N, C-alpha and C. Protein backbone atom coordinates (compact mmCIF):
# COMPACT_ATOMS: atom_id res chain seq x y z
N UNK A 1 0.74 -1.28 0.02
CA UNK A 1 0.02 -0.01 -0.01
C UNK A 1 0.87 1.25 0.01
N UNK A 2 0.46 2.20 -0.77
CA UNK A 2 1.16 3.51 -0.73
C UNK A 2 1.26 4.17 0.53
N UNK A 3 2.36 4.86 0.79
CA UNK A 3 2.45 5.79 2.00
C UNK A 3 2.30 7.16 1.48
N UNK A 4 1.38 7.78 2.07
CA UNK A 4 0.96 9.21 1.68
C UNK A 4 1.89 10.15 2.61
N UNK A 5 2.17 11.22 1.95
CA UNK A 5 3.00 12.31 2.74
C UNK A 5 2.21 13.79 2.47
N UNK A 6 2.00 14.42 3.64
CA UNK A 6 1.40 15.74 3.53
C UNK A 6 2.36 16.59 2.93
N UNK A 7 1.99 17.55 1.90
CA UNK A 7 2.85 18.58 1.38
C UNK A 7 2.42 19.89 1.48
N UNK A 8 1.03 20.15 1.65
CA UNK A 8 0.50 21.58 1.86
C UNK A 8 -0.79 21.41 2.30
N UNK A 9 -1.34 22.63 2.80
CA UNK A 9 -2.65 22.89 3.25
C UNK A 9 -3.42 23.02 1.94
N UNK A 10 -4.69 22.54 1.86
CA UNK A 10 -5.53 22.69 0.68
C UNK A 10 -5.68 24.24 0.24
N UNK A 11 -5.67 25.06 1.24
CA UNK A 11 -5.90 26.45 0.76
C UNK A 11 -4.46 27.11 0.28
N UNK A 12 -3.40 26.51 0.49
CA UNK A 12 -2.27 26.96 0.01
C UNK A 12 -1.93 26.83 -1.50
N UNK A 13 -2.68 25.80 -2.01
CA UNK A 13 -2.60 25.63 -3.48
C UNK A 13 -4.09 25.93 -4.15
N UNK A 14 -4.13 27.20 -4.55
CA UNK A 14 -5.42 27.66 -5.02
C UNK A 14 -5.78 27.20 -6.54
N UNK A 15 -6.88 27.21 -6.91
CA UNK A 15 -7.30 26.82 -8.34
C UNK A 15 -6.40 27.49 -9.34
N UNK A 16 -5.89 26.69 -10.26
CA UNK A 16 -5.07 27.33 -11.31
C UNK A 16 -3.63 27.51 -11.01
N UNK A 17 -3.22 27.21 -9.77
CA UNK A 17 -1.86 27.36 -9.41
C UNK A 17 -1.05 26.09 -9.38
N UNK A 18 0.28 26.03 -9.34
CA UNK A 18 1.10 25.01 -9.21
C UNK A 18 2.20 25.34 -8.19
N UNK A 19 2.55 24.38 -7.37
CA UNK A 19 3.76 24.64 -6.48
C UNK A 19 4.69 23.48 -6.49
N UNK A 20 6.01 23.69 -6.14
CA UNK A 20 6.92 22.61 -6.07
C UNK A 20 7.29 22.19 -4.79
N UNK A 21 7.54 20.93 -4.46
CA UNK A 21 7.84 20.33 -3.33
C UNK A 21 8.93 19.23 -3.54
N UNK A 22 9.70 18.99 -2.38
CA UNK A 22 10.70 17.87 -2.51
C UNK A 22 10.19 16.96 -1.51
N UNK A 23 9.84 15.65 -1.95
CA UNK A 23 9.43 14.51 -1.02
C UNK A 23 10.46 13.50 -1.07
N UNK A 24 11.06 13.30 0.07
CA UNK A 24 12.31 12.34 0.01
C UNK A 24 13.28 12.94 -0.84
N UNK A 25 13.72 12.27 -2.05
CA UNK A 25 14.60 12.85 -2.91
C UNK A 25 13.87 13.07 -4.39
N UNK A 26 12.65 13.21 -4.27
CA UNK A 26 11.90 13.43 -5.57
C UNK A 26 11.38 14.82 -5.54
N UNK A 27 11.51 15.56 -6.81
CA UNK A 27 10.98 16.97 -6.91
C UNK A 27 9.55 16.56 -7.60
N UNK A 28 8.62 17.20 -6.94
CA UNK A 28 7.33 17.10 -7.43
C UNK A 28 6.80 18.45 -7.62
N UNK A 29 5.47 18.46 -8.29
CA UNK A 29 4.67 19.70 -8.28
C UNK A 29 3.24 19.25 -8.02
N UNK A 30 2.53 20.04 -7.56
CA UNK A 30 1.02 19.95 -7.16
C UNK A 30 0.26 21.02 -7.72
N UNK A 31 -0.68 20.82 -8.43
CA UNK A 31 -1.55 21.78 -9.13
C UNK A 31 -3.11 21.51 -8.60
N UNK A 32 -3.92 22.46 -8.63
CA UNK A 32 -5.22 22.34 -8.44
C UNK A 32 -5.97 22.88 -9.69
N UNK A 33 -6.98 21.91 -10.14
CA UNK A 33 -7.62 22.17 -11.25
C UNK A 33 -9.20 21.58 -11.10
N UNK A 34 -10.18 22.49 -11.31
CA UNK A 34 -11.62 22.10 -11.15
C UNK A 34 -11.77 21.39 -9.70
N UNK A 35 -10.99 21.83 -8.64
CA UNK A 35 -11.28 21.39 -7.29
C UNK A 35 -10.56 20.19 -7.06
N UNK A 36 -9.79 19.68 -7.99
CA UNK A 36 -9.12 18.51 -7.71
C UNK A 36 -7.50 18.82 -7.55
N UNK A 37 -6.82 18.08 -6.78
CA UNK A 37 -5.33 18.18 -6.68
C UNK A 37 -4.61 17.13 -7.51
N UNK A 38 -3.56 17.56 -8.19
CA UNK A 38 -2.82 16.59 -9.13
C UNK A 38 -1.49 16.82 -8.65
N UNK A 39 -0.77 15.81 -8.55
CA UNK A 39 0.72 15.65 -8.37
C UNK A 39 1.50 15.04 -9.51
N UNK A 40 2.52 15.62 -9.80
CA UNK A 40 3.39 15.08 -11.01
C UNK A 40 4.84 15.50 -10.73
N UNK A 41 5.71 14.79 -11.47
CA UNK A 41 7.02 15.16 -11.61
C UNK A 41 7.31 16.69 -12.01
N UNK A 42 8.26 17.27 -11.31
CA UNK A 42 8.48 18.76 -11.46
C UNK A 42 9.23 19.12 -12.78
N UNK A 43 9.75 18.02 -13.23
CA UNK A 43 10.74 18.16 -14.45
C UNK A 43 10.08 17.71 -15.85
N UNK A 44 10.19 18.64 -16.73
CA UNK A 44 9.46 18.33 -18.05
C UNK A 44 10.30 17.17 -18.70
N UNK A 45 9.56 16.26 -19.46
CA UNK A 45 10.08 15.19 -20.05
C UNK A 45 10.95 15.64 -21.42
N UNK A 46 10.72 16.75 -21.81
CA UNK A 46 11.38 17.28 -23.18
C UNK A 46 12.76 17.72 -22.80
N UNK A 47 12.80 18.67 -21.98
CA UNK A 47 13.98 19.36 -21.60
C UNK A 47 14.09 19.74 -20.15
N UNK A 48 15.16 19.82 -19.58
CA UNK A 48 15.11 20.07 -18.10
C UNK A 48 14.51 21.59 -17.84
N UNK A 49 13.35 21.71 -17.53
CA UNK A 49 12.55 22.84 -17.03
C UNK A 49 11.71 22.40 -15.97
N UNK A 50 11.53 23.50 -15.02
CA UNK A 50 10.51 23.18 -13.91
C UNK A 50 9.08 23.46 -14.24
N UNK A 51 8.34 22.42 -14.18
CA UNK A 51 6.87 22.52 -14.54
C UNK A 51 6.19 23.48 -13.56
N UNK A 52 6.61 23.59 -12.39
CA UNK A 52 6.06 24.34 -11.36
C UNK A 52 6.15 25.96 -11.73
N UNK A 53 7.09 26.14 -12.64
CA UNK A 53 7.21 27.58 -13.28
C UNK A 53 6.24 27.77 -14.33
N UNK A 54 5.66 26.72 -14.78
CA UNK A 54 4.67 26.90 -15.79
C UNK A 54 3.30 27.43 -15.55
N UNK A 55 2.43 27.33 -16.53
CA UNK A 55 1.01 27.72 -16.28
C UNK A 55 0.03 26.59 -16.24
N UNK A 56 -1.06 26.61 -15.45
CA UNK A 56 -2.09 25.73 -15.54
C UNK A 56 -3.23 26.23 -16.34
N UNK A 57 -3.60 25.39 -17.31
CA UNK A 57 -4.85 25.73 -18.13
C UNK A 57 -5.99 25.08 -17.35
N UNK A 58 -6.89 25.89 -16.71
CA UNK A 58 -7.85 25.28 -16.02
C UNK A 58 -9.08 24.81 -16.92
N UNK A 59 -9.15 25.31 -18.03
CA UNK A 59 -10.15 24.72 -19.08
C UNK A 59 -9.81 23.43 -19.51
N UNK A 60 -8.64 23.14 -19.53
CA UNK A 60 -8.35 21.69 -20.16
C UNK A 60 -7.49 20.84 -19.06
N UNK A 61 -7.25 21.49 -17.85
CA UNK A 61 -6.52 20.70 -16.81
C UNK A 61 -5.31 20.19 -17.41
N UNK A 62 -4.44 21.04 -17.78
CA UNK A 62 -2.97 20.65 -18.41
C UNK A 62 -2.07 21.68 -17.73
N UNK A 63 -0.90 21.33 -17.76
CA UNK A 63 0.33 22.09 -17.38
C UNK A 63 1.18 22.45 -18.43
N UNK A 64 1.48 23.70 -18.65
CA UNK A 64 2.33 24.01 -19.80
C UNK A 64 3.79 24.29 -19.37
N UNK A 65 4.82 23.73 -19.95
CA UNK A 65 6.17 23.78 -19.59
C UNK A 65 6.62 25.33 -19.95
N UNK A 66 7.27 25.98 -19.06
CA UNK A 66 7.74 27.30 -19.30
C UNK A 66 8.81 27.49 -20.41
N UNK A 67 9.56 26.44 -20.65
CA UNK A 67 10.69 26.53 -21.65
C UNK A 67 10.30 26.43 -23.02
N UNK A 68 9.54 25.43 -23.45
CA UNK A 68 9.26 25.38 -24.75
C UNK A 68 7.74 25.15 -25.20
N UNK A 69 6.85 25.31 -24.18
CA UNK A 69 5.50 25.17 -24.23
C UNK A 69 4.82 23.81 -24.45
N UNK A 70 5.50 22.73 -24.04
CA UNK A 70 4.98 21.51 -24.08
C UNK A 70 3.95 21.36 -22.95
N UNK A 71 2.82 20.69 -23.31
CA UNK A 71 1.58 20.61 -22.34
C UNK A 71 1.30 19.20 -22.02
N UNK A 72 1.09 18.96 -20.74
CA UNK A 72 0.81 17.64 -20.20
C UNK A 72 -0.44 17.62 -19.43
N UNK A 73 -1.16 16.57 -19.49
CA UNK A 73 -2.61 16.29 -18.82
C UNK A 73 -2.12 16.06 -17.28
N UNK A 74 -2.87 16.88 -16.48
CA UNK A 74 -2.51 16.76 -15.06
C UNK A 74 -2.89 15.37 -14.42
N UNK A 75 -3.99 14.92 -14.89
CA UNK A 75 -4.44 13.59 -14.42
C UNK A 75 -3.51 12.41 -14.78
N UNK A 76 -3.14 12.40 -16.05
CA UNK A 76 -2.51 11.15 -16.54
C UNK A 76 -1.01 11.46 -16.84
N UNK A 77 -0.57 12.62 -17.11
CA UNK A 77 0.83 12.96 -17.45
C UNK A 77 0.89 12.84 -18.92
N UNK A 78 0.00 12.44 -19.67
CA UNK A 78 0.03 12.31 -21.07
C UNK A 78 0.45 13.63 -21.91
N UNK A 79 1.06 13.55 -22.83
CA UNK A 79 1.52 14.78 -23.70
C UNK A 79 0.28 15.25 -24.47
N UNK A 80 0.03 16.59 -24.32
CA UNK A 80 -1.02 17.24 -24.98
C UNK A 80 -0.66 18.16 -25.97
N UNK A 81 0.58 18.48 -25.94
CA UNK A 81 1.15 19.39 -26.97
C UNK A 81 2.66 19.23 -27.17
N UNK A 82 3.22 19.19 -28.34
CA UNK A 82 4.62 19.07 -28.54
C UNK A 82 5.30 20.33 -28.13
N UNK A 83 6.68 20.31 -27.85
CA UNK A 83 7.66 19.33 -28.43
C UNK A 83 7.81 18.10 -27.60
N UNK A 84 7.33 17.99 -26.55
CA UNK A 84 7.46 16.81 -25.74
C UNK A 84 6.79 15.62 -26.46
N UNK A 85 7.32 14.37 -26.30
CA UNK A 85 6.77 13.23 -26.75
C UNK A 85 6.69 12.16 -25.77
N UNK A 86 7.24 12.38 -24.50
CA UNK A 86 7.12 11.35 -23.53
C UNK A 86 6.21 12.01 -22.44
N UNK A 87 5.52 11.16 -21.80
CA UNK A 87 4.61 11.66 -20.70
C UNK A 87 5.46 11.86 -19.52
N UNK A 88 4.88 12.70 -18.56
CA UNK A 88 5.53 12.74 -17.30
C UNK A 88 4.89 12.04 -16.17
N UNK A 89 5.51 11.56 -15.15
CA UNK A 89 4.97 10.80 -14.07
C UNK A 89 3.97 11.54 -13.27
N UNK A 90 2.94 10.78 -12.85
CA UNK A 90 1.94 11.50 -11.96
C UNK A 90 1.99 10.61 -10.77
N UNK A 91 1.37 11.15 -9.61
CA UNK A 91 1.33 10.54 -8.36
C UNK A 91 -0.06 10.66 -7.78
N UNK A 92 -0.51 9.69 -7.06
CA UNK A 92 -1.91 9.74 -6.48
C UNK A 92 -1.86 10.82 -5.23
N UNK A 93 -3.06 11.64 -5.21
CA UNK A 93 -3.11 12.53 -4.11
C UNK A 93 -4.54 12.22 -3.52
N UNK A 94 -4.51 12.73 -2.18
CA UNK A 94 -5.73 12.79 -1.44
C UNK A 94 -5.88 14.00 -0.46
N UNK A 95 -7.02 14.29 -0.05
CA UNK A 95 -7.04 15.33 0.96
C UNK A 95 -7.47 14.71 2.43
N UNK A 96 -6.69 14.99 3.44
CA UNK A 96 -7.10 14.47 4.75
C UNK A 96 -6.84 15.69 5.68
N UNK A 97 -7.93 15.96 6.51
CA UNK A 97 -7.88 17.01 7.44
C UNK A 97 -7.26 18.42 6.90
N UNK A 98 -7.69 18.83 5.73
CA UNK A 98 -7.24 20.03 5.14
C UNK A 98 -6.01 20.01 4.59
N UNK A 99 -5.31 18.80 4.50
CA UNK A 99 -3.93 18.71 3.97
C UNK A 99 -3.94 17.91 2.69
N UNK A 100 -3.21 18.38 1.71
CA UNK A 100 -3.03 17.60 0.39
C UNK A 100 -1.90 16.62 0.60
N UNK A 101 -2.20 15.33 0.48
CA UNK A 101 -1.28 14.34 0.53
C UNK A 101 -0.89 13.62 -0.79
N UNK A 102 0.40 13.25 -0.91
CA UNK A 102 0.84 12.61 -2.20
C UNK A 102 1.47 11.31 -1.81
N UNK A 103 1.33 10.35 -2.73
CA UNK A 103 2.04 9.05 -2.49
C UNK A 103 2.93 8.81 -3.61
N UNK A 104 4.20 8.66 -3.37
CA UNK A 104 5.20 8.51 -4.43
C UNK A 104 5.45 7.06 -4.90
N UNK A 105 5.08 6.00 -4.06
CA UNK A 105 5.35 4.65 -4.42
C UNK A 105 3.87 3.79 -4.03
N UNK A 106 3.60 2.94 -4.95
CA UNK A 106 2.47 2.06 -4.80
C UNK A 106 2.82 0.69 -4.35
């Protein structure tokens, strides 16, 4: 069973924003879109850029890389726009007692 780690209060990650965290030795980003929290690797699969510095499109629930504009689905990590061709890793999230929790291993 996955071990969840609290990363932030729910009100610290507002709709349409993304924040970076280090959990263990893994750099992750957490975004909120349509009331849901999504966790994913903070590094773009196309080139080394921090996705937490990108923009969240709340209409499509995607994150856009700030370097070359690649876009990734927040829920699945699937590529939604080039130049990236490889998906990013995503992680399960849950909310417990007002805290966003992320599981890195299943």
